[in-house]
Full PDB file with SEQRES, HELIX, SHEET, SSBOND, CRYST1, ORIGX, SCALE, CONECT and MASTER records, all heavy atoms in Angstrom:
SEQRES   1 A   35  LEU ILE SER LEU LEU GLN PRO MET GLU CYS VAL LEU TYR          
SEQRES   2 A   35  GLN PRO TRP PHE LYS GLY TYR ASP GLY GLN ARG ASP ALA          
SEQRES   3 A   35  LEU THR GLY ALA ASP GLY PRO HIS LEU                          
CRYST1    1.000    1.000    1.000  90.00  90.00  90.00 P 1           1          
ORIGX1      1.000000  0.000000  0.000000        0.00000                         
ORIGX2      0.000000  1.000000  0.000000        0.00000                         
ORIGX3      0.000000  0.000000  1.000000        0.00000                         
SCALE1      1.000000  0.000000  0.000000        0.00000                         
SCALE2      0.000000  1.000000  0.000000        0.00000                         
SCALE3      0.000000  0.000000  1.000000        0.00000                         
ATOM      1  N   LEU A   1     -43.342 -13.736 -28.474  1.00  0.00           N  
ATOM      2  CA  LEU A   1     -43.535 -12.350 -28.857  1.00  0.00           C  
ATOM      3  C   LEU A   1     -44.734 -12.105 -29.642  1.00  0.00           C  
ATOM      4  O   LEU A   1     -45.290 -13.046 -30.317  1.00  0.00           O  
ATOM      5  CB  LEU A   1     -42.213 -11.866 -29.541  1.00  0.00           C  
ATOM      6  CG  LEU A   1     -41.653 -12.488 -30.634  1.00  0.00           C  
ATOM      7  CD1 LEU A   1     -42.237 -11.940 -31.987  1.00  0.00           C  
ATOM      8  CD2 LEU A   1     -40.157 -12.480 -30.693  1.00  0.00           C  
ATOM      9  N   ILE A   2     -44.989 -10.797 -29.813  1.00  0.00           N  
ATOM     10  CA  ILE A   2     -46.070 -10.561 -30.841  1.00  0.00           C  
ATOM     11  C   ILE A   2     -45.502  -9.590 -31.944  1.00  0.00           C  
ATOM     12  O   ILE A   2     -44.841  -8.652 -31.630  1.00  0.00           O  
ATOM     13  CB  ILE A   2     -47.196  -9.602 -30.055  1.00  0.00           C  
ATOM     14  CG1 ILE A   2     -47.800 -10.406 -28.900  1.00  0.00           C  
ATOM     15  CG2 ILE A   2     -48.221  -9.210 -30.967  1.00  0.00           C  
ATOM     16  CD1 ILE A   2     -48.667  -9.637 -28.032  1.00  0.00           C  
ATOM     17  N   SER A   3     -45.547  -9.988 -33.070  1.00  0.00           N  
ATOM     18  CA  SER A   3     -45.060  -9.283 -34.116  1.00  0.00           C  
ATOM     19  C   SER A   3     -46.174  -8.673 -35.009  1.00  0.00           C  
ATOM     20  O   SER A   3     -47.023  -9.499 -35.491  1.00  0.00           O  
ATOM     21  CB  SER A   3     -44.196 -10.185 -35.024  1.00  0.00           C  
ATOM     22  OG  SER A   3     -43.454  -9.375 -36.109  1.00  0.00           O  
ATOM     23  N   LEU A   4     -46.181  -7.484 -35.115  1.00  0.00           N  
ATOM     24  CA  LEU A   4     -47.411  -6.771 -35.725  1.00  0.00           C  
ATOM     25  C   LEU A   4     -47.014  -6.179 -37.182  1.00  0.00           C  
ATOM     26  O   LEU A   4     -45.867  -6.405 -37.560  1.00  0.00           O  
ATOM     27  CB  LEU A   4     -47.839  -5.658 -34.888  1.00  0.00           C  
ATOM     28  CG  LEU A   4     -48.507  -6.214 -33.443  1.00  0.00           C  
ATOM     29  CD1 LEU A   4     -48.638  -5.091 -32.526  1.00  0.00           C  
ATOM     30  CD2 LEU A   4     -49.570  -7.068 -33.643  1.00  0.00           C  
ATOM     31  N   LEU A   5     -47.916  -5.525 -37.743  1.00  0.00           N  
ATOM     32  CA  LEU A   5     -47.702  -4.967 -38.973  1.00  0.00           C  
ATOM     33  C   LEU A   5     -46.523  -4.036 -38.986  1.00  0.00           C  
ATOM     34  O   LEU A   5     -46.280  -3.277 -37.979  1.00  0.00           O  
ATOM     35  CB  LEU A   5     -48.953  -4.186 -39.541  1.00  0.00           C  
ATOM     36  CG  LEU A   5     -50.230  -4.990 -39.659  1.00  0.00           C  
ATOM     37  CD1 LEU A   5     -51.344  -4.065 -39.918  1.00  0.00           C  
ATOM     38  CD2 LEU A   5     -49.993  -5.982 -40.820  1.00  0.00           C  
ATOM     39  N   GLN A   6     -45.709  -3.958 -40.101  1.00  0.00           N  
ATOM     40  CA  GLN A   6     -44.576  -3.077 -40.247  1.00  0.00           C  
ATOM     41  C   GLN A   6     -45.139  -1.835 -41.005  1.00  0.00           C  
ATOM     42  O   GLN A   6     -45.819  -1.910 -42.006  1.00  0.00           O  
ATOM     43  CB  GLN A   6     -43.450  -3.797 -40.969  1.00  0.00           C  
ATOM     44  CG  GLN A   6     -42.899  -4.894 -40.112  1.00  0.00           C  
ATOM     45  CD  GLN A   6     -42.578  -4.629 -38.787  1.00  0.00           C  
ATOM     46  OE1 GLN A   6     -41.491  -3.666 -38.635  1.00  0.00           O  
ATOM     47  NE2 GLN A   6     -43.256  -4.976 -37.720  1.00  0.00           N  
ATOM     48  N   PRO A   7     -44.631  -0.626 -40.524  1.00  0.00           N  
ATOM     49  CA  PRO A   7     -44.862   0.566 -41.382  1.00  0.00           C  
ATOM     50  C   PRO A   7     -44.279   0.449 -42.757  1.00  0.00           C  
ATOM     51  O   PRO A   7     -43.097  -0.137 -42.805  1.00  0.00           O  
ATOM     52  CB  PRO A   7     -44.324   1.701 -40.640  1.00  0.00           C  
ATOM     53  CG  PRO A   7     -43.350   1.010 -39.762  1.00  0.00           C  
ATOM     54  CD  PRO A   7     -43.735  -0.317 -39.502  1.00  0.00           C  
ATOM     55  N   MET A   8     -44.796   1.027 -43.664  1.00  0.00           N  
ATOM     56  CA  MET A   8     -44.198   1.045 -45.125  1.00  0.00           C  
ATOM     57  C   MET A   8     -43.036   1.977 -45.093  1.00  0.00           C  
ATOM     58  O   MET A   8     -43.058   3.054 -44.391  1.00  0.00           O  
ATOM     59  CB  MET A   8     -45.270   1.566 -45.946  1.00  0.00           C  
ATOM     60  CG  MET A   8     -44.793   1.805 -47.450  1.00  0.00           C  
ATOM     61  SD  MET A   8     -44.311   0.164 -48.221  1.00  0.00           S  
ATOM     62  CE  MET A   8     -46.012  -0.369 -48.628  1.00  0.00           C  
ATOM     63  N   GLU A   9     -41.978   1.476 -45.630  1.00  0.00           N  
ATOM     64  CA  GLU A   9     -40.714   2.354 -45.807  1.00  0.00           C  
ATOM     65  C   GLU A   9     -40.543   2.445 -47.293  1.00  0.00           C  
ATOM     66  O   GLU A   9     -40.493   1.461 -48.019  1.00  0.00           O  
ATOM     67  CB  GLU A   9     -39.530   1.658 -45.132  1.00  0.00           C  
ATOM     68  CG  GLU A   9     -39.476   1.840 -43.684  1.00  0.00           C  
ATOM     69  CD  GLU A   9     -38.198   1.321 -43.102  1.00  0.00           C  
ATOM     70  OE1 GLU A   9     -37.238   0.919 -43.942  1.00  0.00           O  
ATOM     71  OE2 GLU A   9     -38.160   1.278 -41.986  1.00  0.00           O  
ATOM     72  N   CYS A  10     -40.067   3.658 -47.746  1.00  0.00           N  
ATOM     73  CA  CYS A  10     -39.687   3.866 -49.119  1.00  0.00           C  
ATOM     74  C   CYS A  10     -38.261   4.424 -49.200  1.00  0.00           C  
ATOM     75  O   CYS A  10     -37.889   5.323 -48.343  1.00  0.00           O  
ATOM     76  CB  CYS A  10     -40.623   4.918 -49.717  1.00  0.00           C  
ATOM     77  SG  CYS A  10     -42.328   4.351 -49.805  1.00  0.00           S  
ATOM     78  N   VAL A  11     -37.442   3.822 -49.997  1.00  0.00           N  
ATOM     79  CA  VAL A  11     -36.171   4.339 -50.193  1.00  0.00           C  
ATOM     80  C   VAL A  11     -35.942   4.783 -51.725  1.00  0.00           C  
ATOM     81  O   VAL A  11     -36.263   3.989 -52.530  1.00  0.00           O  
ATOM     82  CB  VAL A  11     -35.221   3.119 -49.872  1.00  0.00           C  
ATOM     83  CG1 VAL A  11     -33.742   3.520 -50.219  1.00  0.00           C  
ATOM     84  CG2 VAL A  11     -35.287   2.683 -48.578  1.00  0.00           C  
ATOM     85  N   LEU A  12     -35.665   6.013 -51.771  1.00  0.00           N  
ATOM     86  CA  LEU A  12     -35.419   6.675 -53.129  1.00  0.00           C  
ATOM     87  C   LEU A  12     -34.039   6.933 -53.381  1.00  0.00           C  
ATOM     88  O   LEU A  12     -33.237   7.273 -52.571  1.00  0.00           O  
ATOM     89  CB  LEU A  12     -36.269   7.984 -53.211  1.00  0.00           C  
ATOM     90  CG  LEU A  12     -37.708   7.893 -52.881  1.00  0.00           C  
ATOM     91  CD1 LEU A  12     -38.389   9.245 -52.816  1.00  0.00           C  
ATOM     92  CD2 LEU A  12     -38.467   7.003 -53.919  1.00  0.00           C  
ATOM     93  N   TYR A  13     -33.566   6.513 -54.561  1.00  0.00           N  
ATOM     94  CA  TYR A  13     -32.193   6.719 -54.973  1.00  0.00           C  
ATOM     95  C   TYR A  13     -32.088   6.802 -56.451  1.00  0.00           C  
ATOM     96  O   TYR A  13     -33.057   6.478 -57.187  1.00  0.00           O  
ATOM     97  CB  TYR A  13     -31.199   5.654 -54.472  1.00  0.00           C  
ATOM     98  CG  TYR A  13     -31.568   4.320 -54.873  1.00  0.00           C  
ATOM     99  CD1 TYR A  13     -31.028   3.659 -55.942  1.00  0.00           C  
ATOM    100  CD2 TYR A  13     -32.560   3.444 -54.117  1.00  0.00           C  
ATOM    101  CE1 TYR A  13     -31.334   2.322 -56.309  1.00  0.00           C  
ATOM    102  CE2 TYR A  13     -32.930   2.299 -54.510  1.00  0.00           C  
ATOM    103  CZ  TYR A  13     -32.333   1.657 -55.615  1.00  0.00           C  
ATOM    104  OH  TYR A  13     -32.558   0.343 -55.956  1.00  0.00           O  
ATOM    105  N   GLN A  14     -31.058   7.419 -56.922  1.00  0.00           N  
ATOM    106  CA  GLN A  14     -30.879   7.662 -58.485  1.00  0.00           C  
ATOM    107  C   GLN A  14     -30.632   6.331 -59.110  1.00  0.00           C  
ATOM    108  O   GLN A  14     -30.105   5.438 -58.679  1.00  0.00           O  
ATOM    109  CB  GLN A  14     -29.620   8.481 -58.712  1.00  0.00           C  
ATOM    110  CG  GLN A  14     -29.769   9.927 -58.178  1.00  0.00           C  
ATOM    111  CD  GLN A  14     -30.703  10.885 -58.763  1.00  0.00           C  
ATOM    112  OE1 GLN A  14     -31.258  10.439 -59.869  1.00  0.00           O  
ATOM    113  NE2 GLN A  14     -31.243  11.749 -58.209  1.00  0.00           N  
ATOM    114  N   PRO A  15     -31.228   6.314 -60.304  1.00  0.00           N  
ATOM    115  CA  PRO A  15     -31.108   4.851 -61.185  1.00  0.00           C  
ATOM    116  C   PRO A  15     -29.623   4.635 -61.489  1.00  0.00           C  
ATOM    117  O   PRO A  15     -29.330   3.566 -61.884  1.00  0.00           O  
ATOM    118  CB  PRO A  15     -31.951   5.105 -62.411  1.00  0.00           C  
ATOM    119  CG  PRO A  15     -32.062   6.489 -62.553  1.00  0.00           C  
ATOM    120  CD  PRO A  15     -32.024   7.173 -61.065  1.00  0.00           C  
ATOM    121  N   TRP A  16     -28.796   5.680 -61.522  1.00  0.00           N  
ATOM    122  CA  TRP A  16     -27.394   5.404 -61.833  1.00  0.00           C  
ATOM    123  C   TRP A  16     -26.556   4.944 -60.693  1.00  0.00           C  
ATOM    124  O   TRP A  16     -25.347   4.557 -60.853  1.00  0.00           O  
ATOM    125  CB  TRP A  16     -26.709   6.634 -62.584  1.00  0.00           C  
ATOM    126  CG  TRP A  16     -27.125   7.951 -61.842  1.00  0.00           C  
ATOM    127  CD1 TRP A  16     -28.119   8.853 -62.351  1.00  0.00           C  
ATOM    128  CD2 TRP A  16     -26.485   8.635 -60.740  1.00  0.00           C  
ATOM    129  NE1 TRP A  16     -28.161   9.947 -61.486  1.00  0.00           N  
ATOM    130  CE2 TRP A  16     -27.172   9.726 -60.599  1.00  0.00           C  
ATOM    131  CE3 TRP A  16     -25.685   8.177 -59.782  1.00  0.00           C  
ATOM    132  CZ2 TRP A  16     -26.919  10.620 -59.453  1.00  0.00           C  
ATOM    133  CZ3 TRP A  16     -25.369   9.002 -58.737  1.00  0.00           C  
ATOM    134  CH2 TRP A  16     -26.022  10.215 -58.638  1.00  0.00           C  
ATOM    135  N   PHE A  17     -27.217   4.897 -59.497  1.00  0.00           N  
ATOM    136  CA  PHE A  17     -26.502   4.377 -58.251  1.00  0.00           C  
ATOM    137  C   PHE A  17     -26.580   2.820 -58.139  1.00  0.00           C  
ATOM    138  O   PHE A  17     -27.865   2.396 -57.847  1.00  0.00           O  
ATOM    139  CB  PHE A  17     -27.005   5.114 -57.057  1.00  0.00           C  
ATOM    140  CG  PHE A  17     -26.223   4.859 -55.697  1.00  0.00           C  
ATOM    141  CD1 PHE A  17     -24.936   5.077 -55.650  1.00  0.00           C  
ATOM    142  CD2 PHE A  17     -26.996   4.490 -54.555  1.00  0.00           C  
ATOM    143  CE1 PHE A  17     -24.207   4.756 -54.485  1.00  0.00           C  
ATOM    144  CE2 PHE A  17     -26.383   4.203 -53.525  1.00  0.00           C  
ATOM    145  CZ  PHE A  17     -24.989   4.277 -53.436  1.00  0.00           C  
ATOM    146  N   LYS A  18     -25.565   2.271 -58.410  1.00  0.00           N  
ATOM    147  CA  LYS A  18     -25.687   0.768 -58.627  1.00  0.00           C  
ATOM    148  C   LYS A  18     -25.167  -0.032 -57.387  1.00  0.00           C  
ATOM    149  O   LYS A  18     -24.324   0.513 -56.636  1.00  0.00           O  
ATOM    150  CB  LYS A  18     -24.926   0.290 -59.893  1.00  0.00           C  
ATOM    151  CG  LYS A  18     -25.358   0.957 -61.069  1.00  0.00           C  
ATOM    152  CD  LYS A  18     -26.826   0.475 -61.384  1.00  0.00           C  
ATOM    153  CE  LYS A  18     -27.309   0.987 -62.674  1.00  0.00           C  
ATOM    154  NZ  LYS A  18     -28.537   0.576 -63.037  1.00  0.00           N  
ATOM    155  N   GLY A  19     -25.708  -1.197 -57.208  1.00  0.00           N  
ATOM    156  CA  GLY A  19     -25.331  -2.100 -56.085  1.00  0.00           C  
ATOM    157  C   GLY A  19     -26.106  -1.800 -54.820  1.00  0.00           C  
ATOM    158  O   GLY A  19     -25.906  -2.508 -53.831  1.00  0.00           O  
ATOM    159  N   TYR A  20     -27.002  -0.750 -54.845  1.00  0.00           N  
ATOM    160  CA  TYR A  20     -27.701  -0.386 -53.702  1.00  0.00           C  
ATOM    161  C   TYR A  20     -29.204  -0.797 -54.086  1.00  0.00           C  
ATOM    162  O   TYR A  20     -29.753  -0.339 -55.048  1.00  0.00           O  
ATOM    163  CB  TYR A  20     -27.697   1.034 -53.305  1.00  0.00           C  
ATOM    164  CG  TYR A  20     -28.570   1.500 -52.254  1.00  0.00           C  
ATOM    165  CD1 TYR A  20     -28.181   1.048 -50.813  1.00  0.00           C  
ATOM    166  CD2 TYR A  20     -29.661   2.339 -52.382  1.00  0.00           C  
ATOM    167  CE1 TYR A  20     -29.015   1.514 -49.833  1.00  0.00           C  
ATOM    168  CE2 TYR A  20     -30.438   2.619 -51.352  1.00  0.00           C  
ATOM    169  CZ  TYR A  20     -30.053   2.293 -50.039  1.00  0.00           C  
ATOM    170  OH  TYR A  20     -30.948   2.683 -49.005  1.00  0.00           O  
ATOM    171  N   ASP A  21     -29.887  -1.516 -53.201  1.00  0.00           N  
ATOM    172  CA  ASP A  21     -31.291  -1.938 -53.245  1.00  0.00           C  
ATOM    173  C   ASP A  21     -32.182  -1.624 -52.155  1.00  0.00           C  
ATOM    174  O   ASP A  21     -33.080  -2.253 -51.731  1.00  0.00           O  
ATOM    175  CB  ASP A  21     -31.493  -3.450 -53.684  1.00  0.00           C  
ATOM    176  CG  ASP A  21     -30.769  -3.766 -54.925  1.00  0.00           C  
ATOM    177  OD1 ASP A  21     -31.053  -3.095 -55.928  1.00  0.00           O  
ATOM    178  OD2 ASP A  21     -29.934  -4.569 -55.080  1.00  0.00           O  
ATOM    179  N   GLY A  22     -31.860  -0.575 -51.468  1.00  0.00           N  
ATOM    180  CA  GLY A  22     -32.552  -0.075 -50.246  1.00  0.00           C  
ATOM    181  C   GLY A  22     -32.036  -0.794 -48.939  1.00  0.00           C  
ATOM    182  O   GLY A  22     -32.935  -0.859 -48.022  1.00  0.00           O  
ATOM    183  N   GLN A  23     -30.857  -1.378 -48.949  1.00  0.00           N  
ATOM    184  CA  GLN A  23     -30.449  -2.094 -47.719  1.00  0.00           C  
ATOM    185  C   GLN A  23     -30.520  -1.196 -46.519  1.00  0.00           C  
ATOM    186  O   GLN A  23     -30.015  -0.054 -46.604  1.00  0.00           O  
ATOM    187  CB  GLN A  23     -29.107  -2.662 -47.808  1.00  0.00           C  
ATOM    188  CG  GLN A  23     -28.871  -3.656 -48.952  1.00  0.00           C  
ATOM    189  CD  GLN A  23     -28.379  -3.028 -50.368  1.00  0.00           C  
ATOM    190  OE1 GLN A  23     -28.788  -1.998 -50.635  1.00  0.00           O  
ATOM    191  NE2 GLN A  23     -27.687  -3.799 -50.964  1.00  0.00           N  
ATOM    192  N   ARG A  24     -31.232  -1.630 -45.409  1.00  0.00           N  
ATOM    193  CA  ARG A  24     -31.356  -0.914 -44.299  1.00  0.00           C  
ATOM    194  C   ARG A  24     -30.039  -0.294 -43.709  1.00  0.00           C  
ATOM    195  O   ARG A  24     -29.237  -1.000 -43.368  1.00  0.00           O  
ATOM    196  CB  ARG A  24     -32.125  -1.696 -43.238  1.00  0.00           C  
ATOM    197  CG  ARG A  24     -32.592  -0.930 -41.974  1.00  0.00           C  
ATOM    198  CD  ARG A  24     -33.452  -1.919 -41.269  1.00  0.00           C  
ATOM    199  NE  ARG A  24     -33.834  -1.263 -39.987  1.00  0.00           N  
ATOM    200  CZ  ARG A  24     -33.252  -1.581 -38.823  1.00  0.00           C  
ATOM    201  NH1 ARG A  24     -32.407  -2.471 -38.720  1.00  0.00           N  
ATOM    202  NH2 ARG A  24     -33.608  -0.919 -37.659  1.00  0.00           N  
ATOM    203  N   ASP A  25     -30.090   1.084 -43.640  1.00  0.00           N  
ATOM    204  CA  ASP A  25     -29.076   1.736 -42.880  1.00  0.00           C  
ATOM    205  C   ASP A  25     -27.619   1.619 -43.585  1.00  0.00           C  
ATOM    206  O   ASP A  25     -26.598   1.821 -43.017  1.00  0.00           O  
ATOM    207  CB  ASP A  25     -28.886   1.315 -41.454  1.00  0.00           C  
ATOM    208  CG  ASP A  25     -30.058   1.706 -40.673  1.00  0.00           C  
ATOM    209  OD1 ASP A  25     -30.820   2.634 -41.006  1.00  0.00           O  
ATOM    210  OD2 ASP A  25     -30.395   0.978 -39.697  1.00  0.00           O  
ATOM    211  N   ALA A  26     -27.684   1.145 -44.874  1.00  0.00           N  
ATOM    212  CA  ALA A  26     -26.351   0.765 -45.588  1.00  0.00           C  
ATOM    213  C   ALA A  26     -25.595   2.127 -45.880  1.00  0.00           C  
ATOM    214  O   ALA A  26     -24.399   2.182 -45.880  1.00  0.00           O  
ATOM    215  CB  ALA A  26     -26.589   0.126 -46.814  1.00  0.00           C  
ATOM    216  N   LEU A  27     -26.252   3.203 -45.985  1.00  0.00           N  
ATOM    217  CA  LEU A  27     -25.616   4.566 -46.362  1.00  0.00           C  
ATOM    218  C   LEU A  27     -25.454   5.466 -45.092  1.00  0.00           C  
ATOM    219  O   LEU A  27     -24.533   6.189 -45.114  1.00  0.00           O  
ATOM    220  CB  LEU A  27     -26.442   5.257 -47.375  1.00  0.00           C  
ATOM    221  CG  LEU A  27     -26.568   4.528 -48.718  1.00  0.00           C  
ATOM    222  CD1 LEU A  27     -27.551   5.366 -49.650  1.00  0.00           C  
ATOM    223  CD2 LEU A  27     -25.359   4.304 -49.433  1.00  0.00           C  
ATOM    224  N   THR A  28     -26.288   5.182 -44.155  1.00  0.00           N  
ATOM    225  CA  THR A  28     -26.244   6.162 -42.986  1.00  0.00           C  
ATOM    226  C   THR A  28     -25.673   5.553 -41.748  1.00  0.00           C  
ATOM    227  O   THR A  28     -25.087   6.292 -40.900  1.00  0.00           O  
ATOM    228  CB  THR A  28     -27.573   6.634 -42.673  1.00  0.00           C  
ATOM    229  OG1 THR A  28     -28.484   5.541 -42.174  1.00  0.00           O  
ATOM    230  CG2 THR A  28     -28.304   7.229 -43.849  1.00  0.00           C  
ATOM    231  N   GLY A  29     -25.741   4.251 -41.494  1.00  0.00           N  
ATOM    232  CA  GLY A  29     -25.324   3.744 -40.343  1.00  0.00           C  
ATOM    233  C   GLY A  29     -26.216   4.070 -39.263  1.00  0.00           C  
ATOM    234  O   GLY A  29     -25.749   4.233 -38.027  1.00  0.00           O  
ATOM    235  N   ALA A  30     -27.458   4.304 -39.479  1.00  0.00           N  
ATOM    236  CA  ALA A  30     -28.452   4.912 -38.490  1.00  0.00           C  
ATOM    237  C   ALA A  30     -28.460   4.085 -37.179  1.00  0.00           C  
ATOM    238  O   ALA A  30     -28.666   4.613 -36.160  1.00  0.00           O  
ATOM    239  CB  ALA A  30     -29.802   5.181 -39.024  1.00  0.00           C  
ATOM    240  N   ASP A  31     -28.424   2.749 -37.346  1.00  0.00           N  
ATOM    241  CA  ASP A  31     -28.408   1.807 -36.201  1.00  0.00           C  
ATOM    242  C   ASP A  31     -27.065   1.625 -35.716  1.00  0.00           C  
ATOM    243  O   ASP A  31     -26.751   0.653 -35.024  1.00  0.00           O  
ATOM    244  CB  ASP A  31     -29.177   0.562 -36.506  1.00  0.00           C  
ATOM    245  CG  ASP A  31     -30.582   0.668 -36.412  1.00  0.00           C  
ATOM    246  OD1 ASP A  31     -31.034   1.728 -35.847  1.00  0.00           O  
ATOM    247  OD2 ASP A  31     -31.342  -0.184 -37.020  1.00  0.00           O  
ATOM    248  N   GLY A  32     -25.993   2.560 -36.016  1.00  0.00           N  
ATOM    249  CA  GLY A  32     -24.769   2.231 -35.657  1.00  0.00           C  
ATOM    250  C   GLY A  32     -23.813   1.927 -36.923  1.00  0.00           C  
ATOM    251  O   GLY A  32     -24.455   1.647 -37.985  1.00  0.00           O  
ATOM    252  N   PRO A  33     -22.577   2.073 -36.874  1.00  0.00           N  
ATOM    253  CA  PRO A  33     -21.729   1.845 -38.085  1.00  0.00           C  
ATOM    254  C   PRO A  33     -21.508   0.425 -38.434  1.00  0.00           C  
ATOM    255  O   PRO A  33     -20.682   0.280 -39.398  1.00  0.00           O  
ATOM    256  CB  PRO A  33     -20.441   2.565 -37.638  1.00  0.00           C  
ATOM    257  CG  PRO A  33     -20.387   2.443 -36.226  1.00  0.00           C  
ATOM    258  CD  PRO A  33     -21.829   2.509 -35.718  1.00  0.00           C  
ATOM    259  N   HIS A  34     -22.194  -0.492 -37.829  1.00  0.00           N  
ATOM    260  CA  HIS A  34     -21.886  -1.934 -38.107  1.00  0.00           C  
ATOM    261  C   HIS A  34     -22.070  -2.445 -39.538  1.00  0.00           C  
ATOM    262  O   HIS A  34     -21.395  -3.322 -39.914  1.00  0.00           O  
ATOM    263  CB  HIS A  34     -22.697  -2.781 -37.117  1.00  0.00           C  
ATOM    264  CG  HIS A  34     -24.104  -2.660 -37.369  1.00  0.00           C  
ATOM    265  ND1 HIS A  34     -24.816  -1.592 -36.870  1.00  0.00           N  
ATOM    266  CD2 HIS A  34     -25.024  -3.538 -37.870  1.00  0.00           C  
ATOM    267  CE1 HIS A  34     -26.158  -1.748 -37.150  1.00  0.00           C  
ATOM    268  NE2 HIS A  34     -26.256  -2.916 -37.796  1.00  0.00           N  
ATOM    269  N   LEU A  35     -22.948  -1.632 -40.318  1.00  0.00           N  
ATOM    270  CA  LEU A  35     -23.011  -2.067 -41.802  1.00  0.00           C  
ATOM    271  C   LEU A  35     -22.205  -1.203 -42.674  1.00  0.00           C  
ATOM    272  O   LEU A  35     -21.972  -1.584 -43.876  1.00  0.00           O  
ATOM    273  CB  LEU A  35     -24.498  -2.045 -42.145  1.00  0.00           C  
ATOM    274  CG  LEU A  35     -25.527  -2.838 -41.450  1.00  0.00           C  
ATOM    275  CD1 LEU A  35     -26.821  -2.607 -41.829  1.00  0.00           C  
ATOM    276  CD2 LEU A  35     -25.040  -4.315 -41.737  1.00  0.00           C  
TER     277      LEU A  35                                                      
MASTER        0    0    0    0    0    0    0    6  276    1    0    3          
END                                                                             
């Protein structure tokens, strides 16, 4: 396969929201509810 550059992603959240470090789809389940 060919793996190319990834687009930059920014995740913003409140500093008082703990345990979250920008895990992909952890809050939305955008790729399905598996997470």
